[in-house]
Amino acid sequence: MEKGILDYTIVPAGIATLLIYHFWLLRQILRRPTTTLIGINARNRQIWVKAMMEDSKNGILAVQTLRNNIMASTLLATTAIMLSAAIAAQMWSNGGTCSSIFIIASSSTHLTCTMKFFSILICFLLAFLLNVQSIRYLSHASLLINVPNKTQNGRNTGVSAEFVGRIINRGSYFWSLGLRAFYFSFPLFFWIFGAIHMFLCCVFMVVLLYFLDRSSDFAAVGSTVTAV
């Protein structure tokens, strides 16, 4: 009973820690984008698209760059769906039960073990869907980036650098969300071995992501340039 209490107290606390951090990160991206890598990359992608579309000679370079991003999303989507199939097979073969040998300070009942495996399965399925959406947007962008602003008759095509930049940024946002789904699967995997392991992994992930997501150097350089 005491082990079951840990699953219903420490595990939600760990998930809440991750959610609070990501809500804070979203707030920073919306209000102070130059202090986060996601905001900086979105800004630089807009500049890159404009530079690629201004010169028709850069068409091959732009398509090759987008193809590399599509390959990265394809790799993550393939990995996610393979892991989902492996977890589903594990749940089916074991009947949703966990081996109590490696479990420390956590419940090993049929319901708890089913929740553990199912939560990991949801993470990988979500990662697959998000990466598929990333491939969709980047595939559209690889076509649109070579469309001229005006036709031979002088008519405006309606495809501007800002529009293509938004499409590429959407694909990149979906890729980032798919990668976050992989990150969320780590604490859930440690939950199999115990609730305390899961909570410690959540705290470690928050500290690690904080240093990986922030970029104070770019903000400092931007303020210096503005002052000059």
Protein backbone atom coordinates (compact mmCIF):
# COMPACT_ATOMS: atom_id res chain seq x y z
CA MET A 1 0.00 0.00 0.00
CA GLU A 2 2.87 2.36 0.83
CA LYS A 3 4.45 1.72 -2.56
CA GLY A 4 1.15 2.49 -4.25
CA ILE A 5 0.97 5.83 -2.43
CA LEU A 6 4.29 6.84 -4.01
CA ASP A 7 2.85 6.17 -7.48
CA TYR A 8 -0.06 8.51 -6.77
CA THR A 9 2.01 11.29 -5.16
CA ILE A 10 5.58 11.40 -6.48
CA VAL A 11 4.71 10.50 -10.09
CA PRO A 12 2.18 13.36 -10.54
CA ALA A 13 4.69 15.71 -8.90
CA GLY A 14 7.34 14.71 -11.45
CA ILE A 15 4.94 15.17 -14.38
CA ALA A 16 3.83 18.53 -12.96
CA THR A 17 7.48 19.61 -12.77
CA LEU A 18 7.96 18.89 -16.48
CA LEU A 19 4.69 20.60 -17.43
CA ILE A 20 5.45 23.73 -15.38
CA TYR A 21 8.86 24.01 -17.01
CA HIS A 22 7.39 23.73 -20.51
CA PHE A 23 4.69 26.29 -19.73
CA TRP A 24 7.46 28.63 -18.62
CA LEU A 25 9.41 27.86 -21.81
CA LEU A 26 6.34 28.61 -23.95
CA ARG A 27 5.92 31.93 -22.15
CA GLN A 28 9.57 32.79 -22.83
CA ILE A 29 9.21 31.88 -26.51
CA LEU A 30 6.16 34.11 -26.90
CA ARG A 31 7.39 37.09 -24.86
CA ARG A 32 11.19 36.93 -25.10
CA PRO A 33 12.03 34.69 -28.08
CA THR A 34 15.67 35.79 -28.30
CA THR A 35 16.39 34.20 -24.91
CA THR A 36 15.47 30.71 -26.18
CA LEU A 37 17.02 28.58 -28.90
CA ILE A 38 13.60 27.84 -30.38
CA GLY A 39 12.84 31.53 -30.81
CA ILE A 40 16.28 32.28 -32.21
CA ASN A 41 16.09 29.44 -34.72
CA ALA A 42 12.63 30.56 -35.85
CA ARG A 43 13.94 34.06 -36.45
CA ASN A 44 17.00 32.84 -38.33
CA ARG A 45 14.92 30.49 -40.49
CA GLN A 46 12.91 33.48 -41.70
CA ILE A 47 16.15 35.25 -42.65
CA TRP A 48 17.46 32.11 -44.36
CA VAL A 49 14.29 31.65 -46.43
CA LYS A 50 14.43 35.25 -47.59
CA ALA A 51 18.07 34.84 -48.62
CA MET A 52 17.31 31.60 -50.49
CA MET A 53 14.35 33.03 -52.40
CA GLU A 54 16.10 36.25 -53.41
CA ASP A 55 18.60 34.35 -55.57
CA SER A 56 17.35 31.57 -57.86
CA LYS A 57 20.81 29.97 -57.80
CA ASN A 58 20.18 28.88 -54.20
CA GLY A 59 17.28 26.59 -55.16
CA ILE A 60 19.27 23.36 -54.97
CA LEU A 61 20.87 24.37 -51.66
CA ALA A 62 17.47 25.17 -50.15
CA VAL A 63 15.93 21.86 -51.26
CA GLN A 64 18.92 19.86 -49.99
CA THR A 65 18.74 21.60 -46.60
CA LEU A 66 15.02 20.90 -46.28
CA ARG A 67 15.59 17.30 -47.38
CA ASN A 68 18.09 16.84 -44.53
CA ASN A 69 15.44 18.07 -42.09
CA ILE A 70 12.88 15.71 -43.63
CA MET A 71 15.32 12.81 -43.19
CA ALA A 72 15.78 13.72 -39.52
CA SER A 73 12.01 13.77 -38.97
CA THR A 74 11.65 10.49 -40.88
CA LEU A 75 14.26 8.85 -38.64
CA LEU A 76 12.48 9.97 -35.48
CA ALA A 77 9.07 8.91 -36.83
CA THR A 78 10.39 5.47 -37.80
CA THR A 79 12.04 5.03 -34.40
CA ALA A 80 8.85 6.08 -32.60
CA ILE A 81 6.56 3.69 -34.46
CA MET A 82 9.03 0.80 -34.01
CA LEU A 83 9.24 1.44 -30.28
CA SER A 84 5.45 1.68 -30.11
CA ALA A 85 5.13 -1.72 -31.75
CA ALA A 86 7.73 -3.19 -29.38
CA ILE A 87 5.94 -1.83 -26.30
CA ALA A 88 2.57 -3.05 -27.57
CA ALA A 89 4.05 -6.52 -28.13
CA GLN A 90 5.54 -6.45 -24.62
CA MET A 91 2.17 -5.54 -23.11
CA TRP A 92 0.46 -8.31 -25.08
CA SER A 93 3.00 -11.00 -24.20
CA ASN A 94 3.18 -10.19 -20.47
CA GLY A 95 -0.48 -9.35 -20.07
CA GLY A 96 0.34 -5.91 -18.64
CA THR A 97 2.36 -7.28 -15.70
CA CYS A 98 5.78 -6.11 -14.47
CA SER A 99 8.63 -8.12 -13.11
CA SER A 100 8.96 -7.24 -9.41
CA ILE A 101 12.72 -7.99 -9.36
CA PHE A 102 13.84 -4.55 -10.48
CA ILE A 103 10.95 -2.53 -9.04
CA ILE A 104 11.90 -0.35 -6.06
CA ALA A 105 9.36 1.69 -4.08
CA SER A 106 6.59 1.29 -6.63
CA SER A 107 3.46 -0.76 -7.06
CA SER A 108 3.62 -3.82 -9.33
CA THR A 109 -0.11 -4.45 -9.68
CA HIS A 110 -1.70 -5.20 -13.03
CA LEU A 111 -3.35 -1.76 -13.23
CA THR A 112 -0.20 0.17 -12.37
CA CYS A 113 1.96 -1.77 -14.82
CA THR A 114 -0.61 -1.28 -17.56
CA MET A 115 -0.58 2.46 -16.88
CA LYS A 116 3.23 2.53 -17.08
CA PHE A 117 3.46 0.77 -20.44
CA PHE A 118 0.45 2.58 -21.87
CA SER A 119 1.83 6.02 -20.96
CA ILE A 120 5.12 5.21 -22.72
CA LEU A 121 3.15 3.94 -25.72
CA ILE A 122 1.18 7.20 -25.87
CA CYS A 123 4.43 9.21 -25.84
CA PHE A 124 5.89 7.31 -28.79
CA LEU A 125 2.66 7.41 -30.78
CA LEU A 126 2.46 11.16 -30.19
CA ALA A 127 6.09 11.52 -31.27
CA PHE A 128 5.26 9.60 -34.47
CA LEU A 129 2.28 11.80 -35.32
CA LEU A 130 4.16 15.03 -34.61
CA ASN A 131 7.11 14.03 -36.78
CA VAL A 132 4.75 13.03 -39.59
CA GLN A 133 3.25 16.51 -39.45
CA SER A 134 6.78 17.94 -39.56
CA ILE A 135 7.49 15.93 -42.72
CA ARG A 136 4.24 17.20 -44.23
CA TYR A 137 5.07 20.88 -43.72
CA LEU A 138 8.72 20.55 -44.76
CA SER A 139 7.70 18.69 -47.92
CA HIS A 140 5.36 21.54 -48.83
CA ALA A 141 8.10 24.07 -48.12
CA SER A 142 10.59 22.28 -50.37
CA LEU A 143 8.21 22.93 -53.27
CA LEU A 144 7.14 26.44 -52.33
CA ILE A 145 10.65 27.75 -51.75
CA ASN A 146 11.39 27.51 -55.49
CA VAL A 147 8.16 29.21 -56.60
CA PRO A 148 8.91 32.72 -57.97
CA ASN A 149 7.08 35.73 -56.58
CA LYS A 150 5.75 36.63 -60.01
CA THR A 151 4.91 34.63 -63.13
CA GLN A 152 6.15 35.38 -66.63
CA ASN A 153 2.98 37.40 -67.21
CA GLY A 154 3.83 39.65 -64.26
CA ARG A 155 1.12 38.27 -61.99
CA ASN A 156 1.80 37.85 -58.31
CA THR A 157 1.86 34.18 -57.25
CA GLY A 158 1.13 34.99 -53.60
CA VAL A 159 4.10 32.92 -52.40
CA SER A 160 6.28 35.26 -50.36
CA ALA A 161 9.34 34.60 -48.25
CA GLU A 162 7.31 35.31 -45.10
CA PHE A 163 4.72 32.68 -46.07
CA VAL A 164 7.34 30.01 -46.82
CA GLY A 165 9.16 30.91 -43.62
CA ARG A 166 5.99 30.33 -41.59
CA ILE A 167 5.53 26.92 -43.25
CA ILE A 168 9.11 25.91 -42.42
CA ASN A 169 8.75 27.17 -38.86
CA ARG A 170 5.59 25.11 -38.40
CA GLY A 171 7.43 22.01 -39.57
CA SER A 172 10.29 22.78 -37.21
CA TYR A 173 7.88 23.35 -34.31
CA PHE A 174 6.30 19.94 -34.92
CA TRP A 175 9.78 18.42 -35.02
CA SER A 176 10.62 20.05 -31.68
CA LEU A 177 7.37 18.78 -30.15
CA GLY A 178 8.09 15.28 -31.42
CA LEU A 179 11.51 15.45 -29.83
CA ARG A 180 9.92 16.60 -26.56
CA ALA A 181 7.68 13.52 -26.67
CA PHE A 182 10.84 11.41 -26.73
CA TYR A 183 12.13 13.39 -23.75
CA PHE A 184 8.91 12.71 -21.84
CA SER A 185 9.32 8.98 -22.42
CA PHE A 186 12.53 8.83 -20.36
CA PRO A 187 10.90 9.56 -16.97
CA LEU A 188 8.03 7.24 -17.84
CA PHE A 189 10.51 4.49 -18.65
CA PHE A 190 12.20 4.98 -15.27
CA TRP A 191 8.76 4.73 -13.68
CA ILE A 192 8.86 1.00 -14.48
CA PHE A 193 11.69 0.63 -11.95
CA GLY A 194 10.14 2.88 -9.31
CA ALA A 195 8.37 6.15 -8.60
CA ILE A 196 11.44 7.69 -6.99
CA HIS A 197 13.51 6.94 -10.11
CA MET A 198 10.88 8.63 -12.22
CA PHE A 199 10.80 11.78 -10.06
CA LEU A 200 14.59 12.09 -10.02
CA CYS A 201 14.66 11.69 -13.80
CA CYS A 202 12.06 14.47 -14.15
CA VAL A 203 14.15 16.84 -12.03
CA PHE A 204 17.28 15.96 -13.98
CA MET A 205 15.46 16.50 -17.31
CA VAL A 206 14.21 19.93 -16.23
CA VAL A 207 17.69 21.06 -15.19
CA LEU A 208 19.23 19.70 -18.41
CA LEU A 209 16.57 21.21 -20.68
CA TYR A 210 16.87 24.57 -18.94
CA PHE A 211 20.50 24.87 -19.99
CA LEU A 212 19.81 23.46 -23.47
CA ASP A 213 16.82 25.70 -24.24
CA ARG A 214 18.20 29.01 -23.01
CA SER A 215 20.56 31.24 -24.97
CA SER A 216 21.62 34.31 -23.01
CA ASP A 217 24.62 34.93 -25.29
CA PHE A 218 22.45 35.76 -28.32
CA ALA A 219 20.31 38.16 -26.26
CA ALA A 220 23.42 39.89 -24.96
CA VAL A 221 24.86 40.28 -28.46
CA GLY A 222 21.52 41.61 -29.74
CA SER A 223 21.33 44.23 -27.00
CA THR A 224 24.92 45.28 -27.68
CA VAL A 225 24.24 45.73 -31.40
CA THR A 226 21.11 47.75 -30.64
CA ALA A 227 23.00 50.01 -28.25
CA VAL A 228 25.71 50.66 -30.83
